[in-house]
Structure formats: C-alpha cells, structure tokens
C-alpha cells in the first residue's frame, strides 16, 4: 500500500472521528457550555456539511469557546463569526484567523449591514438573549441570509418558559410563532381558507417578510430546548410533489391502482 493511500486513509479516518461530542468534551482553553443532548444532535445535524467550505454565524459569544469548537469541527469553513453585546468579547483573541467577533446587538442596523457583507451563511445559531422578542426579530432578519438548504438553529428555548413576561403557553411567544410556521410549511392544503398574512398577523405590525410568503421554509424541528428551521433549496409553496404509486396488486384497497392508472392515462395524453 502506498504512503499516499495510507495518509489519505488516515485523513478520512480522522474526519470520521471528528465529532462535536468529542471536541466539546475534550476541549481545553476558552469555556463553552452546551447541554449534552445538543452534542449528539449536532453530530447528526451537521455531519453532511462538516467538510464543506461553510460560513457560520452565531449570536452569543460569551467566552468564545463554542466558536473554537465550530472551527475545529468545520475544518474547511470559510468563516466562523460570532456576535455579542458584551464589549469584553472584543478582547477575545483566537488562533484561527477564520474566527471573528462583531460587537453589538444582532438586530441593530450596523450589525445587520456587516452581516450582509459577510454572508450568506450555511448555518446560523441563535444562542443570544433567549428572549422571545429577540429570537423572533433575529429569525425574521437573518433567515433570508441563509443559503438555500441552510440551517437556522435556536438554542436554549427552554428559557422562554422561564420568562414570566411571556407566559408558559402564551401564543405570542416564540414557540407560538414557530408552531404557526408548521402551518406555513403545509400551506398548499389550506390556502383557500386564509392567507399566510392573516395566519401570522398577531406577530406583525408591518407586512410580513417576503420569505414567509414565498415557500422558503422547508422544515421545522422541535426538540427539547432547540428549534431548527431548514431553508428550502428553492421557493415553493407546493412542496409535497407528485404521488408515486408502485406495484400492480391491490387485493385490499383498489383505489391506489385506480389513481395510478388515471395518472398514466393523463401522462399519455
């Protein structure tokens, strides 16, 4: 076996072993705190893109440890950018030149303009204030900055339940909003009843962002303390696609075969 082939196998083996779990649990240096269930989830969520030249943006820097973890996991990343309102974060230094920190409110105009210049992003993670109003505004501002197919992750959503001002089951908190988005994903089945604008009217005093009307939300996943929204690869409000019926024996219910034959006749016209 050639040395070149052996080296390549070593590289592939190292890539296979590179996980968020192993990097976080063995981490030294800058402090990073993640709930244990996040680690295994991120290993699954990011596995397909961990060797891609991605751009990642994270709201909430604190001690800077998570930025280091992302840079060690996404070895081919173009940029790992953090944002924090704490001025002390400007004093953080990183060995990896791909890591940078923006000081300011992620929803302020200066930060927004800076991100427009640095984006678009493959992954956006909100680990900021954990306040419903901030989470919602950040999502509406930043989701359009994702590439098609990109991921928007909101961490520590359990904090919403701990904020007395929002109420545990207040439909206007951020959980209420994301739950409404599950209806937006399925809009093609109720579009004759009302508009997306009417569905989401309680959350807006201005027209809703265009991306909500254009079918850019592919999926929403709710986990304990995490909400992940995936951006569609193309704008499409009728995303279910066509039905595919296979086989030719229907001893219990012949209806699928009737539909199949009708579709075949239609396609032959």
Protein backbone atom coordinates (compact mmCIF):
# COMPACT_ATOMS: atom_id res chain seq x y z
CA UNK A 1 0.00 0.00 0.00
CA UNK A 2 1.41 3.36 -0.99
CA UNK A 3 2.26 6.03 1.55
CA UNK A 4 -0.11 8.43 -0.22
CA UNK A 5 -3.00 5.99 0.13
CA UNK A 6 -2.16 5.34 3.78
CA UNK A 7 -2.09 9.08 4.50
CA UNK A 8 -5.45 9.55 2.79
CA UNK A 9 -6.99 6.75 4.84
CA UNK A 10 -5.65 8.44 7.95
CA UNK A 11 -7.22 11.73 6.93
CA UNK A 12 -10.55 10.06 6.19
CA UNK A 13 -10.42 8.20 9.50
CA UNK A 14 -9.71 11.41 11.41
CA UNK A 15 -12.59 13.14 9.65
CA UNK A 16 -14.88 10.27 10.58
CA UNK A 17 -13.90 10.53 14.25
CA UNK A 18 -14.26 14.32 14.35
CA UNK A 19 -17.49 14.97 16.22
CA UNK A 20 -18.99 17.84 18.16
CA UNK A 21 -19.28 15.47 21.11
CA UNK A 22 -15.59 14.56 21.14
CA UNK A 23 -14.42 18.11 20.51
CA UNK A 24 -16.60 19.63 23.21
CA UNK A 25 -15.99 17.03 25.91
CA UNK A 26 -12.21 17.11 25.42
CA UNK A 27 -12.00 20.87 25.00
CA UNK A 28 -9.41 22.99 26.78
CA UNK A 29 -8.92 26.73 26.75
CA UNK A 30 -11.92 29.01 26.26
CA UNK A 31 -15.00 27.88 28.15
CA UNK A 32 -18.02 26.60 26.23
CA UNK A 33 -21.25 25.29 27.75
CA UNK A 34 -23.61 23.02 25.80
CA UNK A 35 -26.33 20.68 27.06
CA UNK A 36 -25.39 17.05 26.48
CA UNK A 37 -28.37 16.37 24.20
CA UNK A 38 -27.20 19.17 21.89
CA UNK A 39 -23.91 17.42 21.18
CA UNK A 40 -25.28 14.19 19.70
CA UNK A 41 -27.96 16.15 17.86
CA UNK A 42 -25.40 18.45 16.24
CA UNK A 43 -23.32 15.45 15.22
CA UNK A 44 -26.30 14.23 13.17
CA UNK A 45 -27.45 17.64 12.00
CA UNK A 46 -24.09 18.86 10.70
CA UNK A 47 -22.46 15.60 9.62
CA UNK A 48 -23.22 16.03 5.91
CA UNK A 49 -21.66 19.51 5.78
CA UNK A 50 -18.77 19.24 8.24
CA UNK A 51 -16.18 19.09 5.44
CA UNK A 52 -17.81 21.79 3.31
CA UNK A 53 -16.50 25.37 2.93
CA UNK A 54 -19.31 26.80 5.01
CA UNK A 55 -19.92 30.12 6.71
CA UNK A 56 -21.35 30.01 10.23
CA UNK A 57 -22.80 32.86 12.26
CA UNK A 58 -23.58 32.55 15.99
CA UNK A 59 -25.41 35.06 18.17
CA UNK A 60 -23.91 34.95 21.66
CA UNK A 61 -20.16 34.65 22.14
CA UNK A 62 -19.69 34.74 25.92
CA UNK A 63 -16.19 33.27 26.47
CA UNK A 64 -15.67 32.28 22.84
CA UNK A 65 -15.41 28.56 23.43
CA UNK A 66 -18.15 27.50 21.04
CA UNK A 67 -16.56 29.47 18.19
CA UNK A 68 -13.40 27.41 18.70
CA UNK A 69 -15.43 24.20 18.69
CA UNK A 70 -17.10 25.16 15.41
CA UNK A 71 -13.75 25.99 13.83
CA UNK A 72 -12.29 22.65 14.91
CA UNK A 73 -15.32 20.80 13.58
CA UNK A 74 -15.81 22.66 10.30
CA UNK A 75 -12.18 22.41 9.21
CA UNK A 76 -12.88 23.78 5.73
CA UNK A 77 -15.14 26.60 6.87
CA UNK A 78 -14.56 29.96 5.23
CA UNK A 79 -15.69 31.99 8.23
CA UNK A 80 -16.86 31.47 11.82
CA UNK A 81 -18.46 34.69 13.03
CA UNK A 82 -19.82 35.46 16.48
CA UNK A 83 -21.82 38.44 17.72
CA UNK A 84 -22.28 39.69 21.28
CA UNK A 85 -23.42 42.87 23.02
CA UNK A 86 -20.73 42.48 25.69
CA UNK A 87 -17.81 44.80 24.91
CA UNK A 88 -15.47 42.42 26.74
CA UNK A 89 -15.85 39.98 23.84
CA UNK A 90 -13.83 42.41 21.71
CA UNK A 91 -10.80 41.46 23.78
CA UNK A 92 -11.02 37.80 22.84
CA UNK A 93 -8.23 36.51 20.61
CA UNK A 94 -8.29 33.36 18.51
CA UNK A 95 -5.53 31.38 16.86
CA UNK A 96 -7.80 30.52 13.93
CA UNK A 97 -7.94 33.53 11.57
CA UNK A 98 -11.32 32.39 10.29
CA UNK A 99 -12.92 33.30 13.63
CA UNK A 100 -14.10 36.88 14.13
CA UNK A 101 -16.38 38.66 16.57
CA UNK A 102 -18.82 41.51 15.97
CA UNK A 103 -19.75 43.65 18.96
CA UNK A 104 -23.31 44.90 19.05
CA UNK A 105 -26.95 43.89 19.00
CA UNK A 106 -27.52 41.32 16.25
CA UNK A 107 -30.71 43.15 15.32
CA UNK A 108 -29.14 46.59 15.03
CA UNK A 109 -28.66 48.18 11.63
CA UNK A 110 -24.82 48.35 11.83
CA UNK A 111 -24.55 44.64 12.65
CA UNK A 112 -27.12 43.76 10.01
CA UNK A 113 -25.20 45.64 7.33
CA UNK A 114 -21.97 43.97 8.41
CA UNK A 115 -23.58 40.54 8.11
CA UNK A 116 -24.96 41.34 4.68
CA UNK A 117 -21.38 41.93 3.59
CA UNK A 118 -20.07 38.75 5.23
CA UNK A 119 -22.89 36.38 4.25
CA UNK A 120 -24.68 34.43 3.04
CA UNK A 121 -24.41 31.76 5.72
CA UNK A 122 -24.83 27.99 5.73
CA UNK A 123 -25.57 27.84 9.46
CA UNK A 124 -26.97 30.46 11.84
CA UNK A 125 -27.20 29.69 15.56
CA UNK A 126 -29.10 31.91 17.99
CA UNK A 127 -27.62 31.47 21.46
CA UNK A 128 -28.26 35.07 22.47
CA UNK A 129 -30.65 36.64 24.97
CA UNK A 130 -33.22 33.78 24.79
CA UNK A 131 -35.99 36.38 24.94
CA UNK A 132 -38.95 35.66 22.66
CA UNK A 133 -38.93 39.11 21.11
CA UNK A 134 -35.20 38.96 20.31
CA UNK A 135 -35.41 35.42 18.93
CA UNK A 136 -38.30 36.38 16.67
CA UNK A 137 -36.71 39.56 15.31
CA UNK A 138 -33.39 37.80 14.75
CA UNK A 139 -35.08 35.00 12.84
CA UNK A 140 -37.01 37.40 10.62
CA UNK A 141 -33.90 39.49 9.91
CA UNK A 142 -31.37 36.71 9.47
CA UNK A 143 -33.20 33.75 7.93
CA UNK A 144 -33.05 35.39 4.48
CA UNK A 145 -29.24 35.44 4.85
CA UNK A 146 -29.11 31.64 4.79
CA UNK A 147 -28.10 29.89 1.59
CA UNK A 148 -30.79 27.64 0.06
CA UNK A 149 -30.74 24.48 2.17
CA UNK A 150 -29.17 26.31 5.12
CA UNK A 151 -29.94 25.70 8.79
CA UNK A 152 -31.22 28.14 11.42
CA UNK A 153 -30.88 26.84 14.98
CA UNK A 154 -32.35 28.47 18.09
CA UNK A 155 -30.75 27.16 21.26
CA UNK A 156 -31.97 27.12 24.87
CA UNK A 157 -35.61 27.70 24.04
CA UNK A 158 -36.49 26.33 27.49
CA UNK A 159 -35.66 29.83 28.72
CA UNK A 160 -38.89 31.02 27.09
CA UNK A 161 -40.81 29.00 29.67
CA UNK A 162 -38.83 30.64 32.45
CA UNK A 163 -39.65 34.21 31.43
CA UNK A 164 -42.67 35.35 33.45
CA UNK A 165 -43.45 38.11 30.97
CA UNK A 166 -44.06 35.69 28.09
CA UNK A 167 -46.15 33.11 29.92
CA UNK A 168 -45.75 29.37 29.51
CA UNK A 169 -48.48 28.97 26.89
CA UNK A 170 -48.69 32.49 25.54
CA UNK A 171 -49.32 32.02 21.82
CA UNK A 172 -47.40 35.20 21.08
CA UNK A 173 -44.14 33.84 22.42
CA UNK A 174 -41.59 32.44 20.02
CA UNK A 175 -42.92 28.89 20.39
CA UNK A 176 -46.30 30.10 19.21
CA UNK A 177 -44.68 31.65 16.15
CA UNK A 178 -42.68 28.58 15.17
CA UNK A 179 -45.72 26.36 15.70
CA UNK A 180 -47.63 28.59 13.29
CA UNK A 181 -44.82 28.07 10.76
CA UNK A 182 -45.67 24.37 10.67
CA UNK A 183 -48.92 25.50 9.04
CA UNK A 184 -46.96 27.67 6.60
CA UNK A 185 -44.97 24.60 5.52
CA UNK A 186 -48.31 22.91 4.70
CA UNK A 187 -49.90 25.97 3.11
CA UNK A 188 -50.90 24.20 -0.10
CA UNK A 189 -53.60 22.31 1.82
CA UNK A 190 -55.35 25.30 3.41
CA UNK A 191 -54.51 28.22 1.11
CA UNK A 192 -58.19 28.59 0.16
CA UNK A 193 -59.13 29.29 3.79
CA UNK A 194 -56.95 32.31 4.57
CA UNK A 195 -53.64 33.96 3.71
CA UNK A 196 -50.32 33.48 5.43
CA UNK A 197 -50.52 37.18 6.35
CA UNK A 198 -53.72 36.58 8.28
CA UNK A 199 -52.32 33.50 9.97
CA UNK A 200 -49.31 35.42 11.28
CA UNK A 201 -50.98 38.80 11.76
CA UNK A 202 -50.72 38.71 15.55
CA UNK A 203 -46.93 38.79 15.32
CA UNK A 204 -46.59 41.79 12.99
CA UNK A 205 -47.48 45.45 12.84
CA UNK A 206 -46.00 45.69 9.33
CA UNK A 207 -46.31 43.43 6.28
CA UNK A 208 -44.78 40.01 6.90
CA UNK A 209 -41.32 39.31 5.42
CA UNK A 210 -41.44 38.07 1.84
CA UNK A 211 -39.72 34.78 2.57
CA UNK A 212 -42.71 33.64 4.64
CA UNK A 213 -44.97 34.07 1.63
CA UNK A 214 -42.58 32.52 -0.88
CA UNK A 215 -42.18 28.99 0.44
CA UNK A 216 -38.59 29.24 1.70
CA UNK A 217 -39.23 27.18 4.84
CA UNK A 218 -38.69 23.50 4.17
CA UNK A 219 -38.99 22.08 7.67
CA UNK A 220 -39.15 22.88 11.36
CA UNK A 221 -37.89 20.52 14.04
CA UNK A 222 -38.75 20.89 17.72
CA UNK A 223 -36.51 19.25 20.28
CA UNK A 224 -36.03 19.79 23.98
CA UNK A 225 -34.70 23.38 24.09
CA UNK A 226 -33.86 23.57 20.36
CA UNK A 227 -35.84 24.66 17.32
CA UNK A 228 -34.21 24.04 13.92
CA UNK A 229 -35.57 25.52 10.72
CA UNK A 230 -34.20 24.38 7.36
CA UNK A 231 -34.37 26.69 4.37
CA UNK A 232 -35.76 25.25 1.15
CA UNK A 233 -33.49 24.81 -1.85
CA UNK A 234 -35.99 26.82 -3.88
CA UNK A 235 -39.08 28.88 -3.13
CA UNK A 236 -42.08 26.60 -3.36
CA UNK A 237 -45.41 26.67 -1.51
CA UNK A 238 -46.47 23.38 -3.12
CA UNK A 239 -43.58 21.26 -1.93
CA UNK A 240 -45.25 17.88 -1.43
CA UNK A 241 -44.56 16.92 -5.04
CA UNK A 242 -46.34 14.31 -7.12
CA UNK A 243 -47.59 10.99 -5.79
CA UNK A 244 -45.67 7.85 -6.80
CA UNK A 245 -47.68 4.62 -6.80
CA UNK A 246 -45.81 1.38 -7.47
CA UNK A 247 -46.88 -2.27 -7.69
CA UNK A 248 -49.85 -3.78 -9.51
CA UNK A 249 -51.63 -5.92 -6.89
CA UNK A 250 -54.25 -4.25 -4.67
CA UNK A 251 -56.33 -7.04 -3.09
CA UNK A 252 -57.48 -4.94 -0.11
CA UNK A 253 -57.98 -1.45 -1.50
CA UNK A 254 -58.02 -0.95 -5.29
CA UNK A 255 -58.17 2.84 -5.06
CA UNK A 256 -54.37 3.36 -5.38
CA UNK A 257 -54.38 1.36 -8.63
CA UNK A 258 -57.27 3.43 -9.96
CA UNK A 259 -55.29 6.60 -9.23
CA UNK A 260 -52.16 5.09 -10.76
CA UNK A 261 -53.96 4.15 -13.98
CA UNK A 262 -55.64 7.55 -14.18
CA UNK A 263 -52.27 9.25 -13.86
CA UNK A 264 -50.78 7.00 -16.56
CA UNK A 265 -53.60 7.88 -18.94
CA UNK A 266 -53.18 11.54 -18.18
CA UNK A 267 -49.45 11.38 -18.87
CA UNK A 268 -50.05 9.61 -22.18
CA UNK A 269 -52.24 12.42 -23.49
